[in-house]
PDB file of N, CA and C in Angstrom:
ATOM      1  N   UNK A   1      80.327   5.994   7.637  1.00  0.00           N
ATOM      2  CA  UNK A   1      80.358   7.360   7.116  1.00  0.00           C
ATOM      3  C   UNK A   1      78.994   7.308   6.399  1.00  0.00           C
ATOM      4  N   UNK A   2      78.327   8.411   6.476  1.00  0.00           N
ATOM      5  CA  UNK A   2      77.216   8.783   5.550  1.00  0.00           C
ATOM      6  C   UNK A   2      77.343  10.051   4.822  1.00  0.00           C
ATOM      7  N   UNK A   3      76.998  10.008   3.674  1.00  0.00           N
ATOM      8  CA  UNK A   3      76.886  11.399   2.610  1.00  0.00           C
ATOM      9  C   UNK A   3      75.530  11.700   2.696  1.00  0.00           C
ATOM     10  N   UNK A   4      75.561  13.008   2.756  1.00  0.00           N
ATOM     11  CA  UNK A   4      74.127  13.753   2.395  1.00  0.00           C
ATOM     12  C   UNK A   4      74.317  14.135   0.797  1.00  0.00           C
ATOM     13  N   UNK A   5      73.632  13.798   0.103  1.00  0.00           N
ATOM     14  CA  UNK A   5      73.689  14.282  -1.428  1.00  0.00           C
ATOM     15  C   UNK A   5      72.340  15.236  -1.824  1.00  0.00           C
ATOM     16  N   UNK A   6      72.704  16.371  -2.113  1.00  0.00           N
ATOM     17  CA  UNK A   6      71.615  17.237  -2.450  1.00  0.00           C
ATOM     18  C   UNK A   6      71.683  17.435  -4.065  1.00  0.00           C
ATOM     19  N   UNK A   7      70.668  17.615  -4.589  1.00  0.00           N
ATOM     20  CA  UNK A   7      70.405  17.864  -6.071  1.00  0.00           C
ATOM     21  C   UNK A   7      70.239  19.341  -6.160  1.00  0.00           C
ATOM     22  N   UNK A   8      71.127  20.139  -6.884  1.00  0.00           N
ATOM     23  CA  UNK A   8      71.239  21.508  -7.158  1.00  0.00           C
ATOM     24  C   UNK A   8      70.400  21.862  -8.655  1.00  0.00           C
ATOM     25  N   UNK A   9      70.314  23.041  -8.782  1.00  0.00           N
ATOM     26  CA  UNK A   9      69.501  23.730  -9.791  1.00  0.00           C
ATOM     27  C   UNK A   9      70.054  23.104 -11.414  1.00  0.00           C
ATOM     28  N   UNK A  10      71.327  22.934 -11.487  1.00  0.00           N
ATOM     29  CA  UNK A  10      71.744  22.444 -12.711  1.00  0.00           C
ATOM     30  C   UNK A  10      71.565  20.940 -13.013  1.00  0.00           C
ATOM     31  N   UNK A  11      71.067  20.264 -11.871  1.00  0.00           N
ATOM     32  CA  UNK A  11      70.980  18.830 -12.116  1.00  0.00           C
ATOM     33  C   UNK A  11      69.581  18.517 -12.422  1.00  0.00           C
ATOM     34  N   UNK A  12      69.387  17.407 -13.243  1.00  0.00           N
ATOM     35  CA  UNK A  12      68.225  16.797 -13.749  1.00  0.00           C
ATOM     36  C   UNK A  12      67.180  16.561 -12.770  1.00  0.00           C
ATOM     37  N   UNK A  13      67.533  16.299 -11.524  1.00  0.00           N
ATOM     38  CA  UNK A  13      66.684  15.669 -10.275  1.00  0.00           C
ATOM     39  C   UNK A  13      66.086  17.031  -9.775  1.00  0.00           C
ATOM     40  N   UNK A  14      66.368  18.094 -10.222  1.00  0.00           N
ATOM     41  CA  UNK A  14      65.611  19.393  -9.657  1.00  0.00           C
ATOM     42  C   UNK A  14      64.791  20.053 -10.663  1.00  0.00           C
ATOM     43  N   UNK A  15      64.211  19.412 -11.583  1.00  0.00           N
ATOM     44  CA  UNK A  15      63.427  19.967 -12.627  1.00  0.00           C
ATOM     45  C   UNK A  15      62.158  20.533 -12.213  1.00  0.00           C
ATOM     46  N   UNK A  16      61.712  19.943 -10.917  1.00  0.00           N
ATOM     47  CA  UNK A  16      60.522  20.509 -10.337  1.00  0.00           C
ATOM     48  C   UNK A  16      60.577  21.686  -9.253  1.00  0.00           C
ATOM     49  N   UNK A  17      61.816  21.926  -9.364  1.00  0.00           N
ATOM     50  CA  UNK A  17      62.445  23.055  -8.331  1.00  0.00           C
ATOM     51  C   UNK A  17      61.920  22.905  -6.874  1.00  0.00           C
ATOM     52  N   UNK A  18      62.322  21.621  -6.613  1.00  0.00           N
ATOM     53  CA  UNK A  18      62.146  21.135  -5.147  1.00  0.00           C
ATOM     54  C   UNK A  18      63.448  20.569  -4.757  1.00  0.00           C
ATOM     55  N   UNK A  19      63.940  20.765  -3.487  1.00  0.00           N
ATOM     56  CA  UNK A  19      65.199  20.243  -2.943  1.00  0.00           C
ATOM     57  C   UNK A  19      65.066  18.921  -2.689  1.00  0.00           C
ATOM     58  N   UNK A  20      65.964  17.930  -3.364  1.00  0.00           N
ATOM     59  CA  UNK A  20      65.908  16.698  -3.015  1.00  0.00           C
ATOM     60  C   UNK A  20      67.168  16.335  -2.442  1.00  0.00           C
ATOM     61  N   UNK A  21      67.103  15.641  -1.184  1.00  0.00           N
ATOM     62  CA  UNK A  21      68.241  15.312  -0.532  1.00  0.00           C
ATOM     63  C   UNK A  21      68.136  14.052  -0.003  1.00  0.00           C
ATOM     64  N   UNK A  22      69.272  13.076  -0.123  1.00  0.00           N
ATOM     65  CA  UNK A  22      69.435  11.696   0.090  1.00  0.00           C
ATOM     66  C   UNK A  22      70.681  11.505   1.015  1.00  0.00           C
ATOM     67  N   UNK A  23      70.342  10.489   2.044  1.00  0.00           N
ATOM     68  CA  UNK A  23      71.385  10.128   2.931  1.00  0.00           C
ATOM     69  C   UNK A  23      71.869   8.775   2.204  1.00  0.00           C
ATOM     70  N   UNK A  24      73.227   8.514   2.136  1.00  0.00           N
ATOM     71  CA  UNK A  24      73.841   7.442   1.562  1.00  0.00           C
ATOM     72  C   UNK A  24      75.167   7.127   2.142  1.00  0.00           C
ATOM     73  N   UNK A  25      75.372   5.900   2.408  1.00  0.00           N
ATOM     74  CA  UNK A  25      76.740   5.361   2.725  1.00  0.00           C
ATOM     75  C   UNK A  25      77.563   5.140   1.683  1.00  0.00           C
ATOM     76  N   UNK A  26      77.152   5.228   0.454  1.00  0.00           N
ATOM     77  CA  UNK A  26      78.131   5.078  -0.765  1.00  0.00           C
ATOM     78  C   UNK A  26      78.856   6.431  -1.164  1.00  0.00           C
ATOM     79  N   UNK A  27      79.694   6.867  -0.304  1.00  0.00           N
ATOM     80  CA  UNK A  27      80.523   8.160  -0.458  1.00  0.00           C
ATOM     81  C   UNK A  27      80.984   8.346  -1.720  1.00  0.00           C
ATOM     82  N   UNK A  28      81.359   7.342  -2.615  1.00  0.00           N
ATOM     83  CA  UNK A  28      82.110   7.508  -3.827  1.00  0.00           C
ATOM     84  C   UNK A  28      80.907   7.804  -5.007  1.00  0.00           C
ATOM     85  N   UNK A  29      79.778   7.678  -4.799  1.00  0.00           N
ATOM     86  CA  UNK A  29      79.073   7.678  -5.750  1.00  0.00           C
ATOM     87  C   UNK A  29      78.470   9.205  -5.970  1.00  0.00           C
ATOM     88  N   UNK A  30      78.346   9.650  -7.386  1.00  0.00           N
ATOM     89  CA  UNK A  30      77.703  10.964  -7.606  1.00  0.00           C
ATOM     90  C   UNK A  30      76.336  11.199  -7.323  1.00  0.00           C
ATOM     91  N   UNK A  31      75.900  12.504  -7.128  1.00  0.00           N
ATOM     92  CA  UNK A  31      74.551  12.837  -6.864  1.00  0.00           C
ATOM     93  C   UNK A  31      73.475  12.057  -7.781  1.00  0.00           C
ATOM     94  N   UNK A  32      73.756  12.136  -8.977  1.00  0.00           N
ATOM     95  CA  UNK A  32      72.840  11.618 -10.115  1.00  0.00           C
ATOM     96  C   UNK A  32      72.727  10.221  -9.733  1.00  0.00           C
ATOM     97  N   UNK A  33      73.741   9.464  -9.630  1.00  0.00           N
ATOM     98  CA  UNK A  33      73.658   8.080  -9.499  1.00  0.00           C
ATOM     99  C   UNK A  33      72.958   7.801  -8.205  1.00  0.00           C
ATOM    100  N   UNK A  34      73.100   8.408  -6.964  1.00  0.00           N
ATOM    101  CA  UNK A  34      72.374   8.177  -5.824  1.00  0.00           C
ATOM    102  C   UNK A  34      70.837   8.375  -6.139  1.00  0.00           C
ATOM    103  N   UNK A  35      70.480   9.476  -6.763  1.00  0.00           N
ATOM    104  CA  UNK A  35      69.176   9.663  -7.076  1.00  0.00           C
ATOM    105  C   UNK A  35      68.440   8.617  -7.948  1.00  0.00           C
ATOM    106  N   UNK A  36      69.225   7.985  -9.045  1.00  0.00           N
ATOM    107  CA  UNK A  36      68.771   7.108  -9.930  1.00  0.00           C
ATOM    108  C   UNK A  36      68.444   5.771  -9.019  1.00  0.00           C
ATOM    109  N   UNK A  37      69.377   5.338  -8.247  1.00  0.00           N
ATOM    110  CA  UNK A  37      69.135   4.263  -7.434  1.00  0.00           C
ATOM    111  C   UNK A  37      68.004   4.351  -6.462  1.00  0.00           C
ATOM    112  N   UNK A  38      67.872   5.559  -5.900  1.00  0.00           N
ATOM    113  CA  UNK A  38      66.793   5.857  -4.820  1.00  0.00           C
ATOM    114  C   UNK A  38      65.381   5.618  -5.732  1.00  0.00           C
ATOM    115  N   UNK A  39      65.380   6.356  -6.915  1.00  0.00           N
ATOM    116  CA  UNK A  39      64.189   6.093  -7.838  1.00  0.00           C
ATOM    117  C   UNK A  39      63.810   4.853  -8.139  1.00  0.00           C
ATOM    118  N   UNK A  40      64.773   3.757  -8.247  1.00  0.00           N
ATOM    119  CA  UNK A  40      64.546   2.560  -8.627  1.00  0.00           C
ATOM    120  C   UNK A  40      64.108   1.825  -7.324  1.00  0.00           C
ATOM    121  N   UNK A  41      64.614   2.004  -6.439  1.00  0.00           N
ATOM    122  CA  UNK A  41      64.143   1.318  -5.011  1.00  0.00           C
ATOM    123  C   UNK A  41      62.958   1.764  -4.489  1.00  0.00           C
ATOM    124  N   UNK A  42      62.372   3.063  -4.706  1.00  0.00           N
ATOM    125  CA  UNK A  42      61.220   3.702  -4.067  1.00  0.00           C
ATOM    126  C   UNK A  42      60.093   2.578  -4.296  1.00  0.00           C
ATOM    127  N   UNK A  43      59.843   2.171  -5.442  1.00  0.00           N
ATOM    128  CA  UNK A  43      58.645   1.293  -5.698  1.00  0.00           C
ATOM    129  C   UNK A  43      58.702  -0.094  -4.677  1.00  0.00           C
ATOM    130  N   UNK A  44      59.839  -0.661  -4.616  1.00  0.00           N
ATOM    131  CA  UNK A  44      59.881  -1.622  -3.612  1.00  0.00           C
ATOM    132  C   UNK A  44      59.649  -1.256  -2.152  1.00  0.00           C
ATOM    133  N   UNK A  45      60.211  -0.075  -1.937  1.00  0.00           N
ATOM    134  CA  UNK A  45      59.798   0.182  -0.396  1.00  0.00           C
ATOM    135  C   UNK A  45      58.362   0.580  -0.105  1.00  0.00           C
ATOM    136  N   UNK A  46      57.587   1.127  -1.208  1.00  0.00           N
ATOM    137  CA  UNK A  46      56.206   1.422  -1.112  1.00  0.00           C
ATOM    138  C   UNK A  46      55.555  -0.205  -1.170  1.00  0.00           C
ATOM    139  N   UNK A  47      55.822  -0.979  -1.978  1.00  0.00           N
ATOM    140  CA  UNK A  47      55.341  -2.509  -1.926  1.00  0.00           C
ATOM    141  C   UNK A  47      55.552  -3.089  -0.625  1.00  0.00           C
ATOM    142  N   UNK A  48      56.668  -3.135  -0.027  1.00  0.00           N
ATOM    143  CA  UNK A  48      57.027  -3.641   1.284  1.00  0.00           C
ATOM    144  C   UNK A  48      56.017  -3.013   2.394  1.00  0.00           C
ATOM    145  N   UNK A  49      56.050  -1.701   2.465  1.00  0.00           N
ATOM    146  CA  UNK A  49      55.229  -1.072   3.449  1.00  0.00           C
ATOM    147  C   UNK A  49      53.750  -1.449   3.192  1.00  0.00           C
ATOM    148  N   UNK A  50      53.163  -1.442   2.055  1.00  0.00           N
ATOM    149  CA  UNK A  50      51.801  -1.658   1.962  1.00  0.00           C
ATOM    150  C   UNK A  50      51.454  -3.352   2.260  1.00  0.00           C
ATOM    151  N   UNK A  51      52.494  -4.183   1.977  1.00  0.00           N
ATOM    152  CA  UNK A  51      52.332  -5.461   2.332  1.00  0.00           C
ATOM    153  C   UNK A  51      52.298  -5.785   3.773  1.00  0.00           C
ATOM    154  N   UNK A  52      53.240  -5.181   4.480  1.00  0.00           N
ATOM    155  CA  UNK A  52      53.319  -5.235   5.962  1.00  0.00           C
ATOM    156  C   UNK A  52      52.038  -4.829   6.524  1.00  0.00           C
ATOM    157  N   UNK A  53      51.358  -3.550   5.788  1.00  0.00           N
ATOM    158  CA  UNK A  53      50.062  -2.832   6.341  1.00  0.00           C
ATOM    159  C   UNK A  53      49.041  -3.825   6.248  1.00  0.00           C
ATOM    160  N   UNK A  54      48.900  -4.538   4.969  1.00  0.00           N
ATOM    161  CA  UNK A  54      48.012  -5.548   4.624  1.00  0.00           C
ATOM    162  C   UNK A  54      47.913  -6.744   5.581  1.00  0.00           C
ATOM    163  N   UNK A  55      49.102  -7.152   5.903  1.00  0.00           N
ATOM    164  CA  UNK A  55      49.400  -8.454   6.706  1.00  0.00           C
ATOM    165  C   UNK A  55      49.123  -8.078   8.271  1.00  0.00           C
ATOM    166  N   UNK A  56      49.005  -6.880   8.731  1.00  0.00           N
ATOM    167  CA  UNK A  56      48.763  -6.442   9.975  1.00  0.00           C
ATOM    168  C   UNK A  56      50.100  -6.204  10.733  1.00  0.00           C
ATOM    169  N   UNK A  57      51.237  -6.022  10.247  1.00  0.00           N
ATOM    170  CA  UNK A  57      52.446  -6.016  10.951  1.00  0.00           C
ATOM    171  C   UNK A  57      52.815  -4.414  11.178  1.00  0.00           C
TER     172      UNK A  57
END
């Protein structure tokens, strides 16, 4: 089961007035928690993608 979690106007994650949507399998977590986890994991994803690109994968 997957949860689509959207940040709305009252949320801190929409301060830039941009809609943020995250797919998550953690259906028991709140939107703020999902967005916090996503923000912490994003640099790891970027590093992984850049490493693969540099190594020719």
